[in-house]
């Protein structure tokens, strides 16, 4: 199998190993769980969900937040260095506590392959 030349693993060689990429953000993609909420349940829980989300944003824990245009939930960019840290923030919100929403957590870091191109200029 051929290695991808723009990934750290594919670009590294014995002479120029690339340093590890630090995780600086977590991409959290939500998905609903269980049965859909009734309008009454939505009216009960969503004001508290929004309140907790706004507070996390104002505290600097959530960097960016988006609504999925396919209607399947939200996406957050969380200021965290591990998926566990992001999970501890997001799954304490009311939808998570009620077992109605969970997230897939994807660690993000600086675009490390830029080092290869940057090193070409001396």
PDB file of N, CA and C in Angstrom:
ATOM      1  N   UNK A   1       0.844  -1.185   0.000  1.00  0.00           N
ATOM      2  CA  UNK A   1       0.000   0.000   0.000  1.00  0.00           C
ATOM      3  C   UNK A   1       0.886   1.244   0.000  1.00  0.00           C
ATOM      4  N   UNK A   2       0.554   2.196  -0.855  1.00  0.00           N
ATOM      5  CA  UNK A   2       1.328   3.418  -0.976  1.00  0.00           C
ATOM      6  C   UNK A   2       0.915   4.415   0.094  1.00  0.00           C
ATOM      7  N   UNK A   3       1.896   5.097   0.696  1.00  0.00           N
ATOM      8  CA  UNK A   3       1.602   6.080   1.735  1.00  0.00           C
ATOM      9  C   UNK A   3       1.197   7.405   1.102  1.00  0.00           C
ATOM     10  N   UNK A   4       0.323   8.112   1.774  1.00  0.00           N
ATOM     11  CA  UNK A   4      -0.111   9.426   1.332  1.00  0.00           C
ATOM     12  C   UNK A   4       1.015  10.418   1.613  1.00  0.00           C
ATOM     13  N   UNK A   5       1.551  11.106   0.581  1.00  0.00           N
ATOM     14  CA  UNK A   5       2.704  11.983   0.788  1.00  0.00           C
ATOM     15  C   UNK A   5       2.398  13.234   1.596  1.00  0.00           C
ATOM     16  N   UNK A   6       1.140  13.577   1.798  1.00  0.00           N
ATOM     17  CA  UNK A   6       0.868  14.792   2.559  1.00  0.00           C
ATOM     18  C   UNK A   6       0.500  14.522   4.014  1.00  0.00           C
ATOM     19  N   UNK A   7       0.454  13.270   4.420  1.00  0.00           N
ATOM     20  CA  UNK A   7       0.234  12.974   5.831  1.00  0.00           C
ATOM     21  C   UNK A   7       1.579  12.890   6.529  1.00  0.00           C
ATOM     22  N   UNK A   8       1.620  13.111   7.843  1.00  0.00           N
ATOM     23  CA  UNK A   8       2.892  13.014   8.555  1.00  0.00           C
ATOM     24  C   UNK A   8       3.570  11.662   8.367  1.00  0.00           C
ATOM     25  N   UNK A   9       2.797  10.579   8.328  1.00  0.00           N
ATOM     26  CA  UNK A   9       3.387   9.257   8.185  1.00  0.00           C
ATOM     27  C   UNK A   9       4.003   9.072   6.793  1.00  0.00           C
ATOM     28  N   UNK A  10       3.309   9.567   5.765  1.00  0.00           N
ATOM     29  CA  UNK A  10       3.777   9.396   4.395  1.00  0.00           C
ATOM     30  C   UNK A  10       4.940  10.305   4.051  1.00  0.00           C
ATOM     31  N   UNK A  11       5.010  11.468   4.664  1.00  0.00           N
ATOM     32  CA  UNK A  11       6.047  12.430   4.321  1.00  0.00           C
ATOM     33  C   UNK A  11       7.328  12.221   5.121  1.00  0.00           C
ATOM     34  N   UNK A  12       7.214  11.579   6.249  1.00  0.00           N
ATOM     35  CA  UNK A  12       8.384  11.405   7.104  1.00  0.00           C
ATOM     36  C   UNK A  12       9.354  10.415   6.489  1.00  0.00           C
ATOM     37  N   UNK A  13      10.594  10.698   6.679  1.00  0.00           N
ATOM     38  CA  UNK A  13      11.642   9.781   6.247  1.00  0.00           C
ATOM     39  C   UNK A  13      12.635   9.650   7.392  1.00  0.00           C
ATOM     40  N   UNK A  14      13.596   8.763   7.223  1.00  0.00           N
ATOM     41  CA  UNK A  14      14.596   8.573   8.275  1.00  0.00           C
ATOM     42  C   UNK A  14      15.379   9.867   8.509  1.00  0.00           C
ATOM     43  N   UNK A  15      15.601  10.656   7.432  1.00  0.00           N
ATOM     44  CA  UNK A  15      16.362  11.892   7.585  1.00  0.00           C
ATOM     45  C   UNK A  15      15.515  13.031   8.161  1.00  0.00           C
ATOM     46  N   UNK A  16      14.229  13.068   7.827  1.00  0.00           N
ATOM     47  CA  UNK A  16      13.370  14.183   8.225  1.00  0.00           C
ATOM     48  C   UNK A  16      12.068  13.706   8.858  1.00  0.00           C
ATOM     49  N   UNK A  17      12.124  13.095  10.028  1.00  0.00           N
ATOM     50  CA  UNK A  17      10.853  12.704  10.645  1.00  0.00           C
ATOM     51  C   UNK A  17      10.082  13.957  11.055  1.00  0.00           C
ATOM     52  N   UNK A  18       8.787  13.922  10.825  1.00  0.00           N
ATOM     53  CA  UNK A  18       7.955  15.056  11.209  1.00  0.00           C
ATOM     54  C   UNK A  18       7.599  14.955  12.686  1.00  0.00           C
ATOM     55  N   UNK A  19       7.562  16.094  13.357  1.00  0.00           N
ATOM     56  CA  UNK A  19       7.162  16.067  14.767  1.00  0.00           C
ATOM     57  C   UNK A  19       5.686  15.703  14.895  1.00  0.00           C
ATOM     58  N   UNK A  20       5.290  15.215  16.046  1.00  0.00           N
ATOM     59  CA  UNK A  20       3.868  14.889  16.235  1.00  0.00           C
ATOM     60  C   UNK A  20       3.016  16.152  16.132  1.00  0.00           C
ATOM     61  N   UNK A  21       1.787  15.965  15.706  1.00  0.00           N
ATOM     62  CA  UNK A  21       0.854  17.083  15.576  1.00  0.00           C
ATOM     63  C   UNK A  21       0.049  17.189  16.867  1.00  0.00           C
ATOM     64  N   UNK A  22       0.107  18.340  17.540  1.00  0.00           N
ATOM     65  CA  UNK A  22      -0.677  18.478  18.774  1.00  0.00           C
ATOM     66  C   UNK A  22      -2.159  18.651  18.456  1.00  0.00           C
ATOM     67  N   UNK A  23      -2.998  18.113  19.311  1.00  0.00           N
ATOM     68  CA  UNK A  23      -4.433  18.334  19.180  1.00  0.00           C
ATOM     69  C   UNK A  23      -4.757  19.670  19.826  1.00  0.00           C
ATOM     70  N   UNK A  24      -5.349  20.569  19.040  1.00  0.00           N
ATOM     71  CA  UNK A  24      -5.671  21.893  19.555  1.00  0.00           C
ATOM     72  C   UNK A  24      -7.176  22.156  19.622  1.00  0.00           C
ATOM     73  N   UNK A  25      -7.936  21.369  18.873  1.00  0.00           N
ATOM     74  CA  UNK A  25      -9.393  21.504  18.844  1.00  0.00           C
ATOM     75  C   UNK A  25      -9.991  20.114  18.671  1.00  0.00           C
ATOM     76  N   UNK A  26     -11.259  20.000  19.000  1.00  0.00           N
ATOM     77  CA  UNK A  26     -12.001  18.773  18.760  1.00  0.00           C
ATOM     78  C   UNK A  26     -13.227  19.134  17.927  1.00  0.00           C
ATOM     79  N   UNK A  27     -13.404  18.441  16.802  1.00  0.00           N
ATOM     80  CA  UNK A  27     -14.606  18.573  15.993  1.00  0.00           C
ATOM     81  C   UNK A  27     -15.616  17.594  16.564  1.00  0.00           C
ATOM     82  N   UNK A  28     -16.752  18.104  17.015  1.00  0.00           N
ATOM     83  CA  UNK A  28     -17.792  17.267  17.633  1.00  0.00           C
ATOM     84  C   UNK A  28     -19.026  17.307  16.740  1.00  0.00           C
ATOM     85  N   UNK A  29     -19.373  16.163  16.177  1.00  0.00           N
ATOM     86  CA  UNK A  29     -20.506  16.052  15.267  1.00  0.00           C
ATOM     87  C   UNK A  29     -21.609  15.290  15.993  1.00  0.00           C
ATOM     88  N   UNK A  30     -22.752  15.938  16.148  1.00  0.00           N
ATOM     89  CA  UNK A  30     -23.828  15.327  16.933  1.00  0.00           C
ATOM     90  C   UNK A  30     -24.640  14.338  16.119  1.00  0.00           C
ATOM     91  N   UNK A  31     -25.296  13.471  16.845  1.00  0.00           N
ATOM     92  CA  UNK A  31     -26.310  12.602  16.249  1.00  0.00           C
ATOM     93  C   UNK A  31     -27.364  12.353  17.329  1.00  0.00           C
ATOM     94  N   UNK A  32     -28.616  12.374  16.877  1.00  0.00           N
ATOM     95  CA  UNK A  32     -29.720  12.157  17.799  1.00  0.00           C
ATOM     96  C   UNK A  32     -29.817  10.687  18.153  1.00  0.00           C
ATOM     97  N   UNK A  33     -30.316  10.435  19.338  1.00  0.00           N
ATOM     98  CA  UNK A  33     -30.487   9.067  19.820  1.00  0.00           C
ATOM     99  C   UNK A  33     -31.921   8.911  20.299  1.00  0.00           C
ATOM    100  N   UNK A  34     -32.411   7.703  20.273  1.00  0.00           N
ATOM    101  CA  UNK A  34     -33.742   7.431  20.792  1.00  0.00           C
ATOM    102  C   UNK A  34     -34.838   7.924  19.867  1.00  0.00           C
ATOM    103  N   UNK A  35     -36.008   8.042  20.428  1.00  0.00           N
ATOM    104  CA  UNK A  35     -37.162   8.476  19.641  1.00  0.00           C
ATOM    105  C   UNK A  35     -37.149   9.993  19.504  1.00  0.00           C
ATOM    106  N   UNK A  36     -37.681  10.510  18.404  1.00  0.00           N
ATOM    107  CA  UNK A  36     -37.732  11.973  18.232  1.00  0.00           C
ATOM    108  C   UNK A  36     -38.510  12.641  19.361  1.00  0.00           C
ATOM    109  N   UNK A  37     -38.104  13.846  19.692  1.00  0.00           N
ATOM    110  CA  UNK A  37     -38.777  14.586  20.758  1.00  0.00           C
ATOM    111  C   UNK A  37     -40.151  15.061  20.293  1.00  0.00           C
ATOM    112  N   UNK A  38     -41.061  15.057  21.202  1.00  0.00           N
ATOM    113  CA  UNK A  38     -42.368  15.650  20.945  1.00  0.00           C
ATOM    114  C   UNK A  38     -42.215  17.173  21.030  1.00  0.00           C
ATOM    115  N   UNK A  39     -43.127  17.913  20.451  1.00  0.00           N
ATOM    116  CA  UNK A  39     -43.050  19.375  20.591  1.00  0.00           C
ATOM    117  C   UNK A  39     -43.025  19.830  22.053  1.00  0.00           C
ATOM    118  N   UNK A  40     -43.788  19.169  22.903  1.00  0.00           N
ATOM    119  CA  UNK A  40     -43.816  19.539  24.325  1.00  0.00           C
ATOM    120  C   UNK A  40     -42.450  19.288  24.976  1.00  0.00           C
ATOM    121  N   UNK A  41     -41.838  18.138  24.681  1.00  0.00           N
ATOM    122  CA  UNK A  41     -40.515  17.820  25.245  1.00  0.00           C
ATOM    123  C   UNK A  41     -39.464  18.784  24.711  1.00  0.00           C
ATOM    124  N   UNK A  42     -39.556  19.113  23.421  1.00  0.00           N
ATOM    125  CA  UNK A  42     -38.612  20.069  22.814  1.00  0.00           C
ATOM    126  C   UNK A  42     -38.727  21.421  23.515  1.00  0.00           C
ATOM    127  N   UNK A  43     -39.943  21.889  23.754  1.00  0.00           N
ATOM    128  CA  UNK A  43     -40.153  23.177  24.424  1.00  0.00           C
ATOM    129  C   UNK A  43     -39.626  23.156  25.852  1.00  0.00           C
ATOM    130  N   UNK A  44     -39.632  21.984  26.464  1.00  0.00           N
ATOM    131  CA  UNK A  44     -39.153  21.846  27.844  1.00  0.00           C
ATOM    132  C   UNK A  44     -37.629  21.835  27.915  1.00  0.00           C
ATOM    133  N   UNK A  45     -36.982  21.132  26.998  1.00  0.00           N
ATOM    134  CA  UNK A  45     -35.540  20.898  27.127  1.00  0.00           C
ATOM    135  C   UNK A  45     -34.670  21.896  26.355  1.00  0.00           C
ATOM    136  N   UNK A  46     -35.137  22.384  25.205  1.00  0.00           N
ATOM    137  CA  UNK A  46     -34.271  23.194  24.354  1.00  0.00           C
ATOM    138  C   UNK A  46     -33.834  24.526  24.961  1.00  0.00           C
ATOM    139  N   UNK A  47     -34.686  25.241  25.709  1.00  0.00           N
ATOM    140  CA  UNK A  47     -34.173  26.476  26.336  1.00  0.00           C
ATOM    141  C   UNK A  47     -32.980  26.211  27.254  1.00  0.00           C
ATOM    142  N   UNK A  48     -32.991  25.083  27.958  1.00  0.00           N
ATOM    143  CA  UNK A  48     -31.880  24.733  28.848  1.00  0.00           C
ATOM    144  C   UNK A  48     -30.649  24.301  28.039  1.00  0.00           C
ATOM    145  N   UNK A  49     -30.878  23.603  26.936  1.00  0.00           N
ATOM    146  CA  UNK A  49     -29.779  23.193  26.052  1.00  0.00           C
ATOM    147  C   UNK A  49     -29.085  24.428  25.486  1.00  0.00           C
ATOM    148  N   UNK A  50     -29.863  25.378  24.998  1.00  0.00           N
ATOM    149  CA  UNK A  50     -29.293  26.613  24.435  1.00  0.00           C
ATOM    150  C   UNK A  50     -28.566  27.399  25.524  1.00  0.00           C
ATOM    151  N   UNK A  51     -29.148  27.485  26.708  1.00  0.00           N
ATOM    152  CA  UNK A  51     -28.523  28.194  27.827  1.00  0.00           C
ATOM    153  C   UNK A  51     -27.141  27.612  28.137  1.00  0.00           C
ATOM    154  N   UNK A  52     -27.051  26.290  28.247  1.00  0.00           N
ATOM    155  CA  UNK A  52     -25.773  25.645  28.555  1.00  0.00           C
ATOM    156  C   UNK A  52     -24.773  25.819  27.413  1.00  0.00           C
ATOM    157  N   UNK A  53     -25.254  25.769  26.179  1.00  0.00           N
ATOM    158  CA  UNK A  53     -24.379  25.945  25.017  1.00  0.00           C
ATOM    159  C   UNK A  53     -23.824  27.366  24.980  1.00  0.00           C
ATOM    160  N   UNK A  54     -24.672  28.356  25.194  1.00  0.00           N
ATOM    161  CA  UNK A  54     -24.218  29.748  25.214  1.00  0.00           C
ATOM    162  C   UNK A  54     -23.199  29.965  26.334  1.00  0.00           C
ATOM    163  N   UNK A  55     -23.464  29.402  27.508  1.00  0.00           N
ATOM    164  CA  UNK A  55     -22.517  29.547  28.611  1.00  0.00           C
ATOM    165  C   UNK A  55     -21.164  28.913  28.289  1.00  0.00           C
ATOM    166  N   UNK A  56     -21.173  27.750  27.632  1.00  0.00           N
ATOM    167  CA  UNK A  56     -19.904  27.113  27.243  1.00  0.00           C
ATOM    168  C   UNK A  56     -19.175  27.957  26.204  1.00  0.00           C
ATOM    169  N   UNK A  57     -19.919  28.558  25.291  1.00  0.00           N
ATOM    170  CA  UNK A  57     -19.306  29.455  24.299  1.00  0.00           C
ATOM    171  C   UNK A  57     -18.691  30.672  24.992  1.00  0.00           C
ATOM    172  N   UNK A  58     -19.458  31.302  25.879  1.00  0.00           N
ATOM    173  CA  UNK A  58     -18.969  32.498  26.570  1.00  0.00           C
ATOM    174  C   UNK A  58     -17.784  32.190  27.478  1.00  0.00           C
ATOM    175  N   UNK A  59     -17.685  30.953  27.957  1.00  0.00           N
ATOM    176  CA  UNK A  59     -16.552  30.537  28.789  1.00  0.00           C
ATOM    177  C   UNK A  59     -15.334  30.147  27.950  1.00  0.00           C
ATOM    178  N   UNK A  60     -15.473  30.188  26.616  1.00  0.00           N
ATOM    179  CA  UNK A  60     -14.356  29.852  25.743  1.00  0.00           C
ATOM    180  C   UNK A  60     -14.171  28.363  25.515  1.00  0.00           C
ATOM    181  N   UNK A  61     -15.130  27.562  25.930  1.00  0.00           N
ATOM    182  CA  UNK A  61     -15.012  26.113  25.739  1.00  0.00           C
ATOM    183  C   UNK A  61     -15.443  25.687  24.343  1.00  0.00           C
ATOM    184  N   UNK A  62     -16.399  26.405  23.758  1.00  0.00           N
ATOM    185  CA  UNK A  62     -16.830  26.151  22.385  1.00  0.00           C
ATOM    186  C   UNK A  62     -16.323  27.307  21.542  1.00  0.00           C
ATOM    187  N   UNK A  63     -15.575  26.980  20.501  1.00  0.00           N
ATOM    188  CA  UNK A  63     -14.996  28.003  19.633  1.00  0.00           C
ATOM    189  C   UNK A  63     -15.982  28.417  18.543  1.00  0.00           C
ATOM    190  N   UNK A  64     -16.614  27.423  17.911  1.00  0.00           N
ATOM    191  CA  UNK A  64     -17.578  27.670  16.842  1.00  0.00           C
ATOM    192  C   UNK A  64     -18.697  26.654  16.967  1.00  0.00           C
ATOM    193  N   UNK A  65     -19.884  27.029  16.473  1.00  0.00           N
ATOM    194  CA  UNK A  65     -21.015  26.106  16.501  1.00  0.00           C
ATOM    195  C   UNK A  65     -21.868  26.331  15.275  1.00  0.00           C
ATOM    196  N   UNK A  66     -22.359  25.232  14.746  1.00  0.00           N
ATOM    197  CA  UNK A  66     -23.109  25.241  13.500  1.00  0.00           C
ATOM    198  C   UNK A  66     -24.298  24.294  13.603  1.00  0.00           C
ATOM    199  N   UNK A  67     -25.325  24.608  12.813  1.00  0.00           N
ATOM    200  CA  UNK A  67     -26.462  23.711  12.639  1.00  0.00           C
ATOM    201  C   UNK A  67     -26.217  22.931  11.353  1.00  0.00           C
ATOM    202  N   UNK A  68     -26.416  21.634  11.391  1.00  0.00           N
ATOM    203  CA  UNK A  68     -26.267  20.814  10.187  1.00  0.00           C
ATOM    204  C   UNK A  68     -27.443  21.098   9.256  1.00  0.00           C
ATOM    205  N   UNK A  69     -27.162  21.487   8.034  1.00  0.00           N
ATOM    206  CA  UNK A  69     -28.239  21.840   7.107  1.00  0.00           C
ATOM    207  C   UNK A  69     -29.054  20.629   6.676  1.00  0.00           C
ATOM    208  N   UNK A  70     -28.579  19.414   6.996  1.00  0.00           N
ATOM    209  CA  UNK A  70     -29.391  18.228   6.728  1.00  0.00           C
ATOM    210  C   UNK A  70     -30.378  17.966   7.868  1.00  0.00           C
ATOM    211  N   UNK A  71     -30.377  18.837   8.882  1.00  0.00           N
ATOM    212  CA  UNK A  71     -31.321  18.730   9.985  1.00  0.00           C
ATOM    213  C   UNK A  71     -30.985  17.663  11.003  1.00  0.00           C
ATOM    214  N   UNK A  72     -29.795  17.098  10.927  1.00  0.00           N
ATOM    215  CA  UNK A  72     -29.447  15.972  11.799  1.00  0.00           C
ATOM    216  C   UNK A  72     -28.699  16.379  13.063  1.00  0.00           C
ATOM    217  N   UNK A  73     -28.703  17.658  13.399  1.00  0.00           N
ATOM    218  CA  UNK A  73     -28.063  18.060  14.641  1.00  0.00           C
ATOM    219  C   UNK A  73     -27.161  19.259  14.493  1.00  0.00           C
ATOM    220  N   UNK A  74     -26.119  19.270  15.310  1.00  0.00           N
ATOM    221  CA  UNK A  74     -25.192  20.394  15.356  1.00  0.00           C
ATOM    222  C   UNK A  74     -23.756  19.890  15.238  1.00  0.00           C
ATOM    223  N   UNK A  75     -22.872  20.841  14.963  1.00  0.00           N
ATOM    224  CA  UNK A  75     -21.438  20.572  14.922  1.00  0.00           C
ATOM    225  C   UNK A  75     -20.759  21.659  15.746  1.00  0.00           C
ATOM    226  N   UNK A  76     -19.889  21.237  16.638  1.00  0.00           N
ATOM    227  CA  UNK A  76     -19.135  22.183  17.457  1.00  0.00           C
ATOM    228  C   UNK A  76     -17.648  22.004  17.178  1.00  0.00           C
ATOM    229  N   UNK A  77     -16.922  23.109  17.235  1.00  0.00           N
ATOM    230  CA  UNK A  77     -15.467  23.059  17.327  1.00  0.00           C
ATOM    231  C   UNK A  77     -15.160  23.461  18.756  1.00  0.00           C
ATOM    232  N   UNK A  78     -14.640  22.499  19.504  1.00  0.00           N
ATOM    233  CA  UNK A  78     -14.457  22.649  20.946  1.00  0.00           C
ATOM    234  C   UNK A  78     -12.986  22.927  21.241  1.00  0.00           C
ATOM    235  N   UNK A  79     -12.740  23.872  22.126  1.00  0.00           N
ATOM    236  CA  UNK A  79     -11.383  24.162  22.584  1.00  0.00           C
ATOM    237  C   UNK A  79     -11.009  23.120  23.634  1.00  0.00           C
ATOM    238  N   UNK A  80     -10.445  22.020  23.159  1.00  0.00           N
ATOM    239  CA  UNK A  80     -10.050  20.916  24.030  1.00  0.00           C
ATOM    240  C   UNK A  80      -8.884  20.194  23.368  1.00  0.00           C
ATOM    241  N   UNK A  81      -8.109  19.492  24.167  1.00  0.00           N
ATOM    242  CA  UNK A  81      -6.957  18.781  23.621  1.00  0.00           C
ATOM    243  C   UNK A  81      -7.158  17.270  23.564  1.00  0.00           C
ATOM    244  N   UNK A  82      -8.296  16.790  24.058  1.00  0.00           N
ATOM    245  CA  UNK A  82      -8.610  15.365  23.958  1.00  0.00           C
ATOM    246  C   UNK A  82     -10.114  15.203  23.708  1.00  0.00           C
ATOM    247  N   UNK A  83     -10.491  14.115  23.056  1.00  0.00           N
ATOM    248  CA  UNK A  83     -11.927  13.838  22.915  1.00  0.00           C
ATOM    249  C   UNK A  83     -12.634  13.714  24.263  1.00  0.00           C
ATOM    250  N   UNK A  84     -11.958  13.167  25.252  1.00  0.00           N
ATOM    251  CA  UNK A  84     -12.561  13.009  26.577  1.00  0.00           C
ATOM    252  C   UNK A  84     -12.899  14.364  27.196  1.00  0.00           C
ATOM    253  N   UNK A  85     -12.005  15.332  27.003  1.00  0.00           N
ATOM    254  CA  UNK A  85     -12.241  16.680  27.526  1.00  0.00           C
ATOM    255  C   UNK A  85     -13.463  17.309  26.848  1.00  0.00           C
ATOM    256  N   UNK A  86     -13.577  17.147  25.539  1.00  0.00           N
ATOM    257  CA  UNK A  86     -14.742  17.674  24.812  1.00  0.00           C
ATOM    258  C   UNK A  86     -16.021  16.965  25.255  1.00  0.00           C
ATOM    259  N   UNK A  87     -15.936  15.665  25.442  1.00  0.00           N
ATOM    260  CA  UNK A  87     -17.101  14.894  25.887  1.00  0.00           C
ATOM    261  C   UNK A  87     -17.572  15.368  27.251  1.00  0.00           C
ATOM    262  N   UNK A  88     -16.644  15.661  28.142  1.00  0.00           N
ATOM    263  CA  UNK A  88     -17.006  16.151  29.475  1.00  0.00           C
ATOM    264  C   UNK A  88     -17.730  17.489  29.421  1.00  0.00           C
ATOM    265  N   UNK A  89     -17.484  18.251  28.377  1.00  0.00           N
ATOM    266  CA  UNK A  89     -18.175  19.529  28.209  1.00  0.00           C
ATOM    267  C   UNK A  89     -19.568  19.298  27.616  1.00  0.00           C
ATOM    268  N   UNK A  90     -19.628  18.619  26.477  1.00  0.00           N
ATOM    269  CA  UNK A  90     -20.858  18.557  25.686  1.00  0.00           C
ATOM    270  C   UNK A  90     -21.904  17.586  26.216  1.00  0.00           C
ATOM    271  N   UNK A  91     -21.477  16.476  26.749  1.00  0.00           N
ATOM    272  CA  UNK A  91     -22.471  15.478  27.146  1.00  0.00           C
ATOM    273  C   UNK A  91     -23.073  15.748  28.521  1.00  0.00           C
ATOM    274  N   UNK A  92     -22.680  16.881  29.131  1.00  0.00           N
ATOM    275  CA  UNK A  92     -23.343  17.338  30.356  1.00  0.00           C
ATOM    276  C   UNK A  92     -24.537  18.228  30.033  1.00  0.00           C
ATOM    277  N   UNK A  93     -24.681  18.606  28.770  1.00  0.00           N
ATOM    278  CA  UNK A  93     -25.815  19.429  28.367  1.00  0.00           C
ATOM    279  C   UNK A  93     -27.094  18.593  28.488  1.00  0.00           C
ATOM    280  N   UNK A  94     -28.250  19.243  28.592  1.00  0.00           N
ATOM    281  CA  UNK A  94     -29.507  18.520  28.813  1.00  0.00           C
ATOM    282  C   UNK A  94     -29.814  17.410  27.802  1.00  0.00           C
ATOM    283  N   UNK A  95     -29.555  17.620  26.515  1.00  0.00           N
ATOM    284  CA  UNK A  95     -29.849  16.556  25.540  1.00  0.00           C
ATOM    285  C   UNK A  95     -28.980  15.330  25.782  1.00  0.00           C
ATOM    286  N   UNK A  96     -27.733  15.547  26.160  1.00  0.00           N
ATOM    287  CA  UNK A  96     -26.854  14.431  26.483  1.00  0.00           C
ATOM    288  C   UNK A  96     -27.282  13.719  27.751  1.00  0.00           C
ATOM    289  N   UNK A  97     -27.632  14.491  28.764  1.00  0.00           N
ATOM    290  CA  UNK A  97     -28.074  13.905  30.027  1.00  0.00           C
ATOM    291  C   UNK A  97     -29.359  13.102  29.861  1.00  0.00           C
ATOM    292  N   UNK A  98     -30.215  13.535  28.926  1.00  0.00           N
ATOM    293  CA  UNK A  98     -31.480  12.830  28.678  1.00  0.00           C
ATOM    294  C   UNK A  98     -31.308  11.647  27.729  1.00  0.00           C
ATOM    295  N   UNK A  99     -30.072  11.420  27.245  1.00  0.00           N
ATOM    296  CA  UNK A  99     -29.826  10.319  26.318  1.00  0.00           C
ATOM    297  C   UNK A  99     -30.405  10.563  24.934  1.00  0.00           C
ATOM    298  N   UNK A 100     -30.566  11.837  24.574  1.00  0.00           N
ATOM    299  CA  UNK A 100     -31.168  12.179  23.286  1.00  0.00           C
ATOM    300  C   UNK A 100     -30.150  12.582  22.227  1.00  0.00           C
ATOM    301  N   UNK A 101     -28.911  12.907  22.647  1.00  0.00           N
ATOM    302  CA  UNK A 101     -27.888  13.329  21.697  1.00  0.00           C
ATOM    303  C   UNK A 101     -26.533  12.839  22.158  1.00  0.00           C
ATOM    304  N   UNK A 102     -25.740  12.413  21.197  1.00  0.00           N
ATOM    305  CA  UNK A 102     -24.359  12.034  21.450  1.00  0.00           C
ATOM    306  C   UNK A 102     -23.513  12.645  20.345  1.00  0.00           C
ATOM    307  N   UNK A 103     -22.215  12.492  20.437  1.00  0.00           N
ATOM    308  CA  UNK A 103     -21.301  13.109  19.480  1.00  0.00           C
ATOM    309  C   UNK A 103     -20.235  12.132  19.029  1.00  0.00           C
ATOM    310  N   UNK A 104     -19.756  12.350  17.827  1.00  0.00           N
ATOM    311  CA  UNK A 104     -18.513  11.748  17.353  1.00  0.00           C
ATOM    312  C   UNK A 104     -17.450  12.818  17.539  1.00  0.00           C
ATOM    313  N   UNK A 105     -16.320  12.446  18.110  1.00  0.00           N
ATOM    314  CA  UNK A 105     -15.265  13.399  18.434  1.00  0.00           C
ATOM    315  C   UNK A 105     -14.050  13.142  17.553  1.00  0.00           C
ATOM    316  N   UNK A 106     -13.609  14.183  16.848  1.00  0.00           N
ATOM    317  CA  UNK A 106     -12.478  14.066  15.930  1.00  0.00           C
ATOM    318  C   UNK A 106     -11.414  15.081  16.343  1.00  0.00           C
ATOM    319  N   UNK A 107     -10.231  14.609  16.772  1.00  0.00           N
ATOM    320  CA  UNK A 107      -9.154  15.530  17.137  1.00  0.00           C
ATOM    321  C   UNK A 107      -8.633  16.282  15.909  1.00  0.00           C
ATOM    322  N   UNK A 108      -8.365  17.568  16.090  1.00  0.00           N
ATOM    323  CA  UNK A 108      -7.815  18.416  15.031  1.00  0.00           C
ATOM    324  C   UNK A 108      -6.537  19.056  15.524  1.00  0.00           C
ATOM    325  N   UNK A 109      -5.641  19.349  14.583  1.00  0.00           N
ATOM    326  CA  UNK A 109      -4.393  20.022  14.924  1.00  0.00           C
ATOM    327  C   UNK A 109      -3.901  20.841  13.756  1.00  0.00           C
ATOM    328  N   UNK A 110      -2.770  21.508  13.941  1.00  0.00           N
ATOM    329  CA  UNK A 110      -2.207  22.312  12.866  1.00  0.00           C
ATOM    330  C   UNK A 110      -1.950  21.464  11.618  1.00  0.00           C
ATOM    331  N   UNK A 111      -2.002  22.095  10.484  1.00  0.00           N
ATOM    332  CA  UNK A 111      -1.807  21.417   9.202  1.00  0.00           C
ATOM    333  C   UNK A 111      -0.321  21.079   9.042  1.00  0.00           C
ATOM    334  N   UNK A 112       0.070  19.967   9.612  1.00  0.00           N
ATOM    335  CA  UNK A 112       1.472  19.556   9.676  1.00  0.00           C
ATOM    336  C   UNK A 112       2.162  19.445   8.316  1.00  0.00           C
ATOM    337  N   UNK A 113       1.493  18.984   7.252  1.00  0.00           N
ATOM    338  CA  UNK A 113       2.198  18.897   5.963  1.00  0.00           C
ATOM    339  C   UNK A 113       2.735  20.239   5.465  1.00  0.00           C
ATOM    340  N   UNK A 114       2.261  21.338   6.002  1.00  0.00           N
ATOM    341  CA  UNK A 114       2.820  22.638   5.626  1.00  0.00           C
ATOM    342  C   UNK A 114       4.306  22.719   5.982  1.00  0.00           C
ATOM    343  N   UNK A 115       4.741  21.937   6.973  1.00  0.00           N
ATOM    344  CA  UNK A 115       6.158  21.922   7.332  1.00  0.00           C
ATOM    345  C   UNK A 115       7.022  21.487   6.159  1.00  0.00           C
ATOM    346  N   UNK A 116       6.526  20.533   5.388  1.00  0.00           N
ATOM    347  CA  UNK A 116       7.275  20.017   4.235  1.00  0.00           C
ATOM    348  C   UNK A 116       7.501  21.134   3.238  1.00  0.00           C
ATOM    349  N   UNK A 117       6.428  21.839   2.902  1.00  0.00           N
ATOM    350  CA  UNK A 117       6.532  22.932   1.936  1.00  0.00           C
ATOM    351  C   UNK A 117       7.350  24.072   2.512  1.00  0.00           C
ATOM    352  N   UNK A 118       7.135  24.376   3.763  1.00  0.00           N
ATOM    353  CA  UNK A 118       7.878  25.462   4.397  1.00  0.00           C
ATOM    354  C   UNK A 118       9.372  25.156   4.430  1.00  0.00           C
ATOM    355  N   UNK A 119       9.735  23.908   4.643  1.00  0.00           N
ATOM    356  CA  UNK A 119      11.142  23.513   4.676  1.00  0.00           C
ATOM    357  C   UNK A 119      11.796  23.568   3.308  1.00  0.00           C
ATOM    358  N   UNK A 120      11.012  23.611   2.213  1.00  0.00           N
ATOM    359  CA  UNK A 120      11.567  23.695   0.864  1.00  0.00           C
ATOM    360  C   UNK A 120      12.154  25.069   0.579  1.00  0.00           C
ATOM    361  N   UNK A 121      11.719  26.080   1.328  1.00  0.00           N
ATOM    362  CA  UNK A 121      12.205  27.437   1.146  1.00  0.00           C
ATOM    363  C   UNK A 121      13.279  27.692   2.186  1.00  0.00           C
ATOM    364  N   UNK A 122      14.443  27.942   1.730  1.00  0.00           N
ATOM    365  CA  UNK A 122      15.578  28.165   2.642  1.00  0.00           C
ATOM    366  C   UNK A 122      16.170  29.524   2.444  1.00  0.00           C
TER     367      UNK A 122
END
